PDB file of N, CA and C in Angstrom:
ATOM      1  N   MET A   1      22.860   5.229 -33.703  1.00  0.00           N
ATOM      2  CA  MET A   1      22.138   5.559 -32.501  1.00  0.00           C
ATOM      3  C   MET A   1      22.521   4.577 -31.399  1.00  0.00           C
ATOM      4  N   LYS A   2      22.717   5.078 -30.190  1.00  0.00           N
ATOM      5  CA  LYS A   2      23.122   4.230 -29.078  1.00  0.00           C
ATOM      6  C   LYS A   2      21.918   3.533 -28.460  1.00  0.00           C
ATOM      7  N   ASP A   3      22.152   2.312 -28.024  1.00  0.00           N
ATOM      8  CA  ASP A   3      21.106   1.580 -27.306  1.00  0.00           C
ATOM      9  C   ASP A   3      20.992   2.115 -25.883  1.00  0.00           C
ATOM     10  N   ILE A   4      19.790   2.131 -25.380  1.00  0.00           N
ATOM     11  CA  ILE A   4      19.545   2.534 -23.999  1.00  0.00           C
ATOM     12  C   ILE A   4      19.348   1.253 -23.189  1.00  0.00           C
ATOM     13  N   VAL A   5      20.144   1.105 -22.165  1.00  0.00           N
ATOM     14  CA  VAL A   5      20.066  -0.081 -21.322  1.00  0.00           C
ATOM     15  C   VAL A   5      19.523   0.332 -19.956  1.00  0.00           C
ATOM     16  N   ILE A   6      18.422  -0.277 -19.561  1.00  0.00           N
ATOM     17  CA  ILE A   6      17.842  -0.026 -18.242  1.00  0.00           C
ATOM     18  C   ILE A   6      18.149  -1.258 -17.400  1.00  0.00           C
ATOM     19  N   THR A   7      18.933  -1.059 -16.366  1.00  0.00           N
ATOM     20  CA  THR A   7      19.359  -2.191 -15.544  1.00  0.00           C
ATOM     21  C   THR A   7      18.217  -2.674 -14.643  1.00  0.00           C
ATOM     22  N   GLY A   8      18.384  -3.888 -14.168  1.00  0.00           N
ATOM     23  CA  GLY A   8      17.394  -4.461 -13.258  1.00  0.00           C
ATOM     24  C   GLY A   8      17.304  -3.688 -11.956  1.00  0.00           C
ATOM     25  N   ARG A   9      18.430  -3.110 -11.528  1.00  0.00           N
ATOM     26  CA  ARG A   9      18.448  -2.323 -10.293  1.00  0.00           C
ATOM     27  C   ARG A   9      17.553  -1.095 -10.419  1.00  0.00           C
ATOM     28  N   ILE A  10      17.603  -0.438 -11.564  1.00  0.00           N
ATOM     29  CA  ILE A  10      16.779   0.754 -11.782  1.00  0.00           C
ATOM     30  C   ILE A  10      15.298   0.374 -11.854  1.00  0.00           C
ATOM     31  N   VAL A  11      14.988  -0.712 -12.527  1.00  0.00           N
ATOM     32  CA  VAL A  11      13.598  -1.165 -12.628  1.00  0.00           C
ATOM     33  C   VAL A  11      13.059  -1.511 -11.240  1.00  0.00           C
ATOM     34  N   LYS A  12      13.873  -2.203 -10.433  1.00  0.00           N
ATOM     35  CA  LYS A  12      13.453  -2.571  -9.087  1.00  0.00           C
ATOM     36  C   LYS A  12      13.218  -1.335  -8.228  1.00  0.00           C
ATOM     37  N   ARG A  13      14.103  -0.333  -8.341  1.00  0.00           N
ATOM     38  CA  ARG A  13      13.948   0.894  -7.568  1.00  0.00           C
ATOM     39  C   ARG A  13      12.660   1.620  -7.956  1.00  0.00           C
ATOM     40  N   GLU A  14      12.373   1.710  -9.240  1.00  0.00           N
ATOM     41  CA  GLU A  14      11.158   2.392  -9.694  1.00  0.00           C
ATOM     42  C   GLU A  14       9.900   1.648  -9.251  1.00  0.00           C
ATOM     43  N   LEU A  15       9.959   0.332  -9.240  1.00  0.00           N
ATOM     44  CA  LEU A  15       8.810  -0.436  -8.749  1.00  0.00           C
ATOM     45  C   LEU A  15       8.590  -0.204  -7.261  1.00  0.00           C
ATOM     46  N   TYR A  16       9.676  -0.083  -6.501  1.00  0.00           N
ATOM     47  CA  TYR A  16       9.544   0.228  -5.077  1.00  0.00           C
ATOM     48  C   TYR A  16       8.951   1.627  -4.874  1.00  0.00           C
ATOM     49  N   VAL A  17       9.345   2.571  -5.699  1.00  0.00           N
ATOM     50  CA  VAL A  17       8.790   3.926  -5.590  1.00  0.00           C
ATOM     51  C   VAL A  17       7.302   3.904  -5.926  1.00  0.00           C
ATOM     52  N   LEU A  18       6.935   3.172  -6.967  1.00  0.00           N
ATOM     53  CA  LEU A  18       5.517   3.061  -7.336  1.00  0.00           C
ATOM     54  C   LEU A  18       4.718   2.349  -6.248  1.00  0.00           C
ATOM     55  N   LEU A  19       5.295   1.326  -5.638  1.00  0.00           N
ATOM     56  CA  LEU A  19       4.637   0.640  -4.528  1.00  0.00           C
ATOM     57  C   LEU A  19       4.448   1.578  -3.344  1.00  0.00           C
ATOM     58  N   ALA A  20       5.446   2.394  -3.059  1.00  0.00           N
ATOM     59  CA  ALA A  20       5.330   3.367  -1.972  1.00  0.00           C
ATOM     60  C   ALA A  20       4.209   4.369  -2.263  1.00  0.00           C
ATOM     61  N   CYS A  21       4.095   4.805  -3.513  1.00  0.00           N
ATOM     62  CA  CYS A  21       3.013   5.722  -3.890  1.00  0.00           C
ATOM     63  C   CYS A  21       1.653   5.051  -3.709  1.00  0.00           C
ATOM     64  N   PHE A  22       1.568   3.761  -4.043  1.00  0.00           N
ATOM     65  CA  PHE A  22       0.309   3.038  -3.859  1.00  0.00           C
ATOM     66  C   PHE A  22      -0.040   2.916  -2.378  1.00  0.00           C
ATOM     67  N   ILE A  23       0.959   2.647  -1.561  1.00  0.00           N
ATOM     68  CA  ILE A  23       0.715   2.532  -0.118  1.00  0.00           C
ATOM     69  C   ILE A  23       0.257   3.873   0.447  1.00  0.00           C
ATOM     70  N   VAL A  24       0.863   4.968  -0.017  1.00  0.00           N
ATOM     71  CA  VAL A  24       0.421   6.299   0.417  1.00  0.00           C
ATOM     72  C   VAL A  24      -1.027   6.531  -0.008  1.00  0.00           C
ATOM     73  N   GLY A  25      -1.384   6.092  -1.213  1.00  0.00           N
ATOM     74  CA  GLY A  25      -2.765   6.229  -1.674  1.00  0.00           C
ATOM     75  C   GLY A  25      -3.746   5.438  -0.824  1.00  0.00           C
ATOM     76  N   VAL A  26      -3.379   4.220  -0.471  1.00  0.00           N
ATOM     77  CA  VAL A  26      -4.249   3.386   0.371  1.00  0.00           C
ATOM     78  C   VAL A  26      -4.391   4.005   1.757  1.00  0.00           C
ATOM     79  N   LEU A  27      -3.282   4.484   2.312  1.00  0.00           N
ATOM     80  CA  LEU A  27      -3.354   5.106   3.641  1.00  0.00           C
ATOM     81  C   LEU A  27      -4.165   6.400   3.612  1.00  0.00           C
ATOM     82  N   THR A  28      -4.063   7.154   2.528  1.00  0.00           N
ATOM     83  CA  THR A  28      -4.876   8.361   2.382  1.00  0.00           C
ATOM     84  C   THR A  28      -6.359   7.994   2.312  1.00  0.00           C
ATOM     85  N   ASN A  29      -6.671   6.960   1.548  1.00  0.00           N
ATOM     86  CA  ASN A  29      -8.056   6.502   1.452  1.00  0.00           C
ATOM     87  C   ASN A  29      -8.558   6.018   2.812  1.00  0.00           C
ATOM     88  N   LEU A  30      -7.724   5.279   3.525  1.00  0.00           N
ATOM     89  CA  LEU A  30      -8.104   4.797   4.849  1.00  0.00           C
ATOM     90  C   LEU A  30      -8.336   5.961   5.812  1.00  0.00           C
ATOM     91  N   GLY A  31      -7.471   6.971   5.740  1.00  0.00           N
ATOM     92  CA  GLY A  31      -7.655   8.153   6.581  1.00  0.00           C
ATOM     93  C   GLY A  31      -8.948   8.881   6.268  1.00  0.00           C
ATOM     94  N   ALA A  32      -9.289   8.981   4.984  1.00  0.00           N
ATOM     95  CA  ALA A  32     -10.539   9.640   4.600  1.00  0.00           C
ATOM     96  C   ALA A  32     -11.751   8.837   5.068  1.00  0.00           C
ATOM     97  N   ILE A  33     -11.648   7.519   4.999  1.00  0.00           N
ATOM     98  CA  ILE A  33     -12.752   6.667   5.460  1.00  0.00           C
ATOM     99  C   ILE A  33     -12.979   6.863   6.954  1.00  0.00           C
ATOM    100  N   ILE A  34     -11.900   6.900   7.717  1.00  0.00           N
ATOM    101  CA  ILE A  34     -12.026   7.094   9.165  1.00  0.00           C
ATOM    102  C   ILE A  34     -12.511   8.499   9.487  1.00  0.00           C
ATOM    103  N   PHE A  35     -11.962   9.508   8.806  1.00  0.00           N
ATOM    104  CA  PHE A  35     -12.305  10.902   9.093  1.00  0.00           C
ATOM    105  C   PHE A  35     -13.772  11.198   8.785  1.00  0.00           C
ATOM    106  N   TYR A  36     -14.275  10.667   7.664  1.00  0.00           N
ATOM    107  CA  TYR A  36     -15.652  10.955   7.258  1.00  0.00           C
ATOM    108  C   TYR A  36     -16.651   9.886   7.719  1.00  0.00           C
ATOM    109  N   HIS A  37     -16.206   8.946   8.541  1.00  0.00           N
ATOM    110  CA  HIS A  37     -17.074   7.913   9.110  1.00  0.00           C
ATOM    111  C   HIS A  37     -17.827   7.141   8.027  1.00  0.00           C
ATOM    112  N   ARG A  38     -17.092   6.677   7.025  1.00  0.00           N
ATOM    113  CA  ARG A  38     -17.674   5.886   5.947  1.00  0.00           C
ATOM    114  C   ARG A  38     -17.453   4.405   6.233  1.00  0.00           C
ATOM    115  N   PRO A  39     -18.225   3.531   5.581  1.00  0.00           N
ATOM    116  CA  PRO A  39     -18.021   2.085   5.793  1.00  0.00           C
ATOM    117  C   PRO A  39     -16.682   1.620   5.190  1.00  0.00           C
ATOM    118  N   PHE A  40     -16.083   0.615   5.811  1.00  0.00           N
ATOM    119  CA  PHE A  40     -14.783   0.144   5.360  1.00  0.00           C
ATOM    120  C   PHE A  40     -14.834  -0.600   4.028  1.00  0.00           C
ATOM    121  N   THR A  41     -16.023  -0.864   3.516  1.00  0.00           N
ATOM    122  CA  THR A  41     -16.114  -1.481   2.188  1.00  0.00           C
ATOM    123  C   THR A  41     -15.613  -0.535   1.106  1.00  0.00           C
ATOM    124  N   GLU A  42     -15.585   0.758   1.417  1.00  0.00           N
ATOM    125  CA  GLU A  42     -15.056   1.723   0.454  1.00  0.00           C
ATOM    126  C   GLU A  42     -13.559   1.545   0.241  1.00  0.00           C
ATOM    127  N   LEU A  43     -12.893   0.874   1.163  1.00  0.00           N
ATOM    128  CA  LEU A  43     -11.473   0.605   0.997  1.00  0.00           C
ATOM    129  C   LEU A  43     -11.238  -0.231  -0.261  1.00  0.00           C
ATOM    130  N   PHE A  44     -12.174  -1.120  -0.568  1.00  0.00           N
ATOM    131  CA  PHE A  44     -12.047  -1.968  -1.755  1.00  0.00           C
ATOM    132  C   PHE A  44     -12.802  -1.398  -2.950  1.00  0.00           C
ATOM    133  N   SER A  45     -13.914  -0.753  -2.711  1.00  0.00           N
ATOM    134  CA  SER A  45     -14.716  -0.249  -3.827  1.00  0.00           C
ATOM    135  C   SER A  45     -14.103   0.985  -4.477  1.00  0.00           C
ATOM    136  N   GLN A  46     -13.230   1.679  -3.783  1.00  0.00           N
ATOM    137  CA  GLN A  46     -12.608   2.884  -4.322  1.00  0.00           C
ATOM    138  C   GLN A  46     -11.174   2.630  -4.788  1.00  0.00           C
ATOM    139  N   ILE A  47     -10.821   1.374  -5.051  1.00  0.00           N
ATOM    140  CA  ILE A  47      -9.453   1.027  -5.414  1.00  0.00           C
ATOM    141  C   ILE A  47      -9.040   1.672  -6.742  1.00  0.00           C
ATOM    142  N   GLY A  48      -9.987   1.897  -7.629  1.00  0.00           N
ATOM    143  CA  GLY A  48      -9.672   2.568  -8.900  1.00  0.00           C
ATOM    144  C   GLY A  48      -9.162   3.978  -8.676  1.00  0.00           C
ATOM    145  N   TYR A  49      -9.814   4.691  -7.773  1.00  0.00           N
ATOM    146  CA  TYR A  49      -9.366   6.048  -7.449  1.00  0.00           C
ATOM    147  C   TYR A  49      -7.993   6.022  -6.782  1.00  0.00           C
ATOM    148  N   VAL A  50      -7.749   5.014  -5.975  1.00  0.00           N
ATOM    149  CA  VAL A  50      -6.455   4.893  -5.304  1.00  0.00           C
ATOM    150  C   VAL A  50      -5.348   4.651  -6.333  1.00  0.00           C
ATOM    151  N   VAL A  51      -5.619   3.823  -7.323  1.00  0.00           N
ATOM    152  CA  VAL A  51      -4.629   3.551  -8.366  1.00  0.00           C
ATOM    153  C   VAL A  51      -4.343   4.819  -9.166  1.00  0.00           C
ATOM    154  N   VAL A  52      -5.374   5.546  -9.542  1.00  0.00           N
ATOM    155  CA  VAL A  52      -5.173   6.800 -10.287  1.00  0.00           C
ATOM    156  C   VAL A  52      -4.407   7.804  -9.440  1.00  0.00           C
ATOM    157  N   PHE A  53      -4.753   7.933  -8.162  1.00  0.00           N
ATOM    158  CA  PHE A  53      -4.039   8.827  -7.254  1.00  0.00           C
ATOM    159  C   PHE A  53      -2.579   8.416  -7.142  1.00  0.00           C
ATOM    160  N   SER A  54      -2.312   7.117  -7.090  1.00  0.00           N
ATOM    161  CA  SER A  54      -0.944   6.624  -6.984  1.00  0.00           C
ATOM    162  C   SER A  54      -0.128   6.944  -8.227  1.00  0.00           C
ATOM    163  N   VAL A  55      -0.718   6.795  -9.388  1.00  0.00           N
ATOM    164  CA  VAL A  55      -0.014   7.106 -10.638  1.00  0.00           C
ATOM    165  C   VAL A  55       0.269   8.601 -10.731  1.00  0.00           C
ATOM    166  N   ILE A  56      -0.704   9.422 -10.369  1.00  0.00           N
ATOM    167  CA  ILE A  56      -0.487  10.874 -10.371  1.00  0.00           C
ATOM    168  C   ILE A  56       0.604  11.254  -9.389  1.00  0.00           C
ATOM    169  N   LEU A  57       0.592  10.665  -8.210  1.00  0.00           N
ATOM    170  CA  LEU A  57       1.624  10.921  -7.213  1.00  0.00           C
ATOM    171  C   LEU A  57       2.993  10.476  -7.717  1.00  0.00           C
ATOM    172  N   TYR A  58       3.054   9.335  -8.415  1.00  0.00           N
ATOM    173  CA  TYR A  58       4.308   8.844  -8.981  1.00  0.00           C
ATOM    174  C   TYR A  58       4.859   9.828 -10.011  1.00  0.00           C
ATOM    175  N   PHE A  59       4.004  10.334 -10.892  1.00  0.00           N
ATOM    176  CA  PHE A  59       4.480  11.273 -11.912  1.00  0.00           C
ATOM    177  C   PHE A  59       4.886  12.608 -11.304  1.00  0.00           C
ATOM    178  N   LEU A  60       4.186  13.067 -10.274  1.00  0.00           N
ATOM    179  CA  LEU A  60       4.609  14.288  -9.591  1.00  0.00           C
ATOM    180  C   LEU A  60       5.966  14.093  -8.930  1.00  0.00           C
ATOM    181  N   LEU A  61       6.152  12.940  -8.318  1.00  0.00           N
ATOM    182  CA  LEU A  61       7.437  12.623  -7.707  1.00  0.00           C
ATOM    183  C   LEU A  61       8.526  12.501  -8.771  1.00  0.00           C
ATOM    184  N   TRP A  62       8.186  11.946  -9.924  1.00  0.00           N
ATOM    185  CA  TRP A  62       9.126  11.822 -11.031  1.00  0.00           C
ATOM    186  C   TRP A  62       9.567  13.197 -11.523  1.00  0.00           C
ATOM    187  N   ILE A  63       8.640  14.146 -11.601  1.00  0.00           N
ATOM    188  CA  ILE A  63       8.984  15.510 -12.020  1.00  0.00           C
ATOM    189  C   ILE A  63       9.907  16.165 -11.007  1.00  0.00           C
ATOM    190  N   VAL A  64       9.628  15.985  -9.718  1.00  0.00           N
ATOM    191  CA  VAL A  64      10.489  16.546  -8.677  1.00  0.00           C
ATOM    192  C   VAL A  64      11.886  15.940  -8.766  1.00  0.00           C
ATOM    193  N   ARG A  65      11.970  14.638  -8.990  1.00  0.00           N
ATOM    194  CA  ARG A  65      13.268  13.984  -9.119  1.00  0.00           C
ATOM    195  C   ARG A  65      14.004  14.464 -10.357  1.00  0.00           C
ATOM    196  N   LEU A  66      13.287  14.705 -11.446  1.00  0.00           N
ATOM    197  CA  LEU A  66      13.903  15.211 -12.673  1.00  0.00           C
ATOM    198  C   LEU A  66      14.456  16.618 -12.465  1.00  0.00           C
ATOM    199  N   VAL A  67      13.700  17.478 -11.816  1.00  0.00           N
ATOM    200  CA  VAL A  67      14.167  18.842 -11.531  1.00  0.00           C
ATOM    201  C   VAL A  67      15.391  18.796 -10.619  1.00  0.00           C
ATOM    202  N   ALA A  68      15.369  17.920  -9.619  1.00  0.00           N
ATOM    203  CA  ALA A  68      16.524  17.797  -8.726  1.00  0.00           C
ATOM    204  C   ALA A  68      17.757  17.329  -9.494  1.00  0.00           C
ATOM    205  N   LEU A  69      17.576  16.403 -10.431  1.00  0.00           N
ATOM    206  CA  LEU A  69      18.690  15.933 -11.245  1.00  0.00           C
ATOM    207  C   LEU A  69      19.235  17.055 -12.122  1.00  0.00           C
ATOM    208  N   LEU A  70      18.345  17.844 -12.709  1.00  0.00           N
ATOM    209  CA  LEU A  70      18.789  18.955 -13.557  1.00  0.00           C
ATOM    210  C   LEU A  70      19.541  19.999 -12.744  1.00  0.00           C
ATOM    211  N   ILE A  71      19.049  20.305 -11.561  1.00  0.00           N
ATOM    212  CA  ILE A  71      19.741  21.269 -10.693  1.00  0.00           C
ATOM    213  C   ILE A  71      21.106  20.728 -10.297  1.00  0.00           C
ATOM    214  N   LYS A  72      21.176  19.437 -10.010  1.00  0.00           N
ATOM    215  CA  LYS A  72      22.440  18.814  -9.629  1.00  0.00           C
ATOM    216  C   LYS A  72      23.445  18.902 -10.771  1.00  0.00           C
ATOM    217  N   ARG A  73      22.981  18.682 -12.004  1.00  0.00           N
ATOM    218  CA  ARG A  73      23.876  18.762 -13.172  1.00  0.00           C
ATOM    219  C   ARG A  73      24.305  20.207 -13.458  1.00  0.00           C
ATOM    220  N   ILE A  74      23.412  21.159 -13.223  1.00  0.00           N
ATOM    221  CA  ILE A  74      23.757  22.549 -13.454  1.00  0.00           C
ATOM    222  C   ILE A  74      24.808  23.014 -12.450  1.00  0.00           C
ATOM    223  N   VAL A  75      24.672  22.572 -11.207  1.00  0.00           N
ATOM    224  CA  VAL A  75      25.625  22.971 -10.165  1.00  0.00           C
ATOM    225  C   VAL A  75      27.018  22.430 -10.471  1.00  0.00           C
ATOM    226  N   LYS A  76      27.101  21.240 -11.020  1.00  0.00           N
ATOM    227  CA  LYS A  76      28.398  20.677 -11.405  1.00  0.00           C
ATOM    228  C   LYS A  76      28.941  21.495 -12.539  1.00  0.00           C
TER     229      LYS A  76
END
């Protein structure tokens, strides 16, 4: 069986993608706080929901990237 090697470049890229998903989650939460006129303490008290939203967004993005890779391989 062949060893699978994950390079540092790939790990760094995935961490940046996950960070971007977290930032989108925080900005979405901030937008909801402003839109619904809620106190800004919810920015910190709802961090659990933001983390879950970020992970879900990351996996949805991962599925889209996987489908794009499969389509790219099929076209070749």
